[in-house]
Amino acid sequence: MLNLDSETIIIKCPHCSIKYEETISRLKYEPKLACPHCDNYVGVNLLELHIALESVQKSCDAFLKRIMREPNRKRLP
């Protein structure tokens, strides 16, 4: 199973429009964060986050199954 918790996502503050990075793990456990620029709270929709992560997991699983079934291809120089 793919663990994406240490990966980052770009967050755009709806108050000041600054963009900053947060780890997926932090978003999962702290869905209401203070913007590092303006200190206003930025909320994360946990349902949307989990749906997106599940979609990524399914895509990666399907990709791995596909490449494991394909015969070895000649490598390009």
Protein backbone atom coordinates (compact mmCIF):
# COMPACT_ATOMS: atom_id res chain seq x y z
CA MET A 1 0.00 0.00 0.00
CA LEU A 2 1.25 3.43 -0.94
CA ASN A 3 1.82 5.81 1.98
CA LEU A 4 1.46 9.44 0.93
CA ASP A 5 1.46 10.97 4.41
CA SER A 6 4.92 12.52 4.02
CA GLU A 7 4.08 14.08 0.63
CA THR A 8 3.17 17.75 0.44
CA ILE A 9 0.22 19.60 -1.03
CA ILE A 10 0.17 23.25 -2.05
CA ILE A 11 -2.43 25.19 -0.07
CA LYS A 12 -3.71 28.59 -1.22
CA CYS A 13 -5.00 30.75 1.59
CA PRO A 14 -8.50 32.03 0.72
CA HIS A 15 -7.83 35.18 2.75
CA CYS A 16 -4.46 36.48 1.49
CA SER A 17 -3.90 34.21 -1.57
CA ILE A 18 -0.41 33.15 -0.46
CA LYS A 19 0.52 29.59 -1.39
CA TYR A 20 2.35 27.30 1.01
CA GLU A 21 3.03 23.59 1.47
CA GLU A 22 1.59 21.24 4.06
CA THR A 23 2.12 17.51 4.45
CA ILE A 24 -0.79 15.21 3.83
CA SER A 25 -0.32 13.79 7.31
CA ARG A 26 -0.75 17.21 8.93
CA LEU A 27 -3.85 17.92 6.84
CA LYS A 28 -5.38 14.59 7.87
CA TYR A 29 -4.88 15.25 11.57
CA GLU A 30 -5.17 19.05 11.65
CA PRO A 31 -7.74 20.03 9.00
CA LYS A 32 -7.96 23.59 10.34
CA LEU A 33 -4.62 25.37 10.02
CA ALA A 34 -3.46 28.94 10.49
CA CYS A 35 -2.00 30.56 7.37
CA PRO A 36 1.70 31.27 7.99
CA HIS A 37 1.33 34.68 6.33
CA CYS A 38 -1.93 36.19 7.65
CA ASP A 39 -2.76 33.85 10.58
CA ASN A 40 -6.34 33.36 9.37
CA TYR A 41 -7.64 29.83 9.49
CA VAL A 42 -7.65 27.66 6.40
CA GLY A 43 -10.00 24.69 6.52
CA VAL A 44 -9.47 21.44 4.65
CA ASN A 45 -12.41 19.30 3.58
CA LEU A 46 -11.42 15.90 4.98
CA LEU A 47 -13.93 14.03 2.85
CA GLU A 48 -12.49 15.53 -0.34
CA LEU A 49 -8.93 14.81 0.86
CA HIS A 50 -9.72 11.16 1.62
CA ILE A 51 -11.55 10.70 -1.69
CA ALA A 52 -8.58 12.17 -3.58
CA LEU A 53 -6.09 9.98 -1.68
CA GLU A 54 -8.21 6.88 -2.33
CA SER A 55 -8.31 7.74 -6.04
CA VAL A 56 -4.52 8.11 -6.14
CA GLN A 57 -4.12 4.78 -4.33
CA LYS A 58 -6.42 2.99 -6.81
CA SER A 59 -4.61 4.53 -9.79
CA CYS A 60 -1.21 3.48 -8.43
CA ASP A 61 -2.45 -0.04 -7.68
CA ALA A 62 -3.85 -0.39 -11.22
CA PHE A 63 -0.62 0.95 -12.72
CA LEU A 64 1.52 -1.48 -10.72
CA LYS A 65 -0.69 -4.43 -11.71
CA ARG A 66 -0.44 -3.40 -15.37
CA ILE A 67 3.34 -3.08 -15.42
CA MET A 68 3.78 -6.35 -13.51
CA ARG A 69 1.75 -8.20 -16.16
CA GLU A 70 3.53 -6.75 -19.18
CA PRO A 71 6.45 -8.72 -20.57
CA ASN A 72 9.85 -7.12 -20.33
CA ARG A 73 10.22 -4.47 -22.96
CA LYS A 74 13.47 -3.59 -24.62
CA ARG A 75 15.06 -0.60 -22.99
CA LEU A 76 15.85 2.38 -25.13
CA PRO A 77 19.47 3.54 -25.10
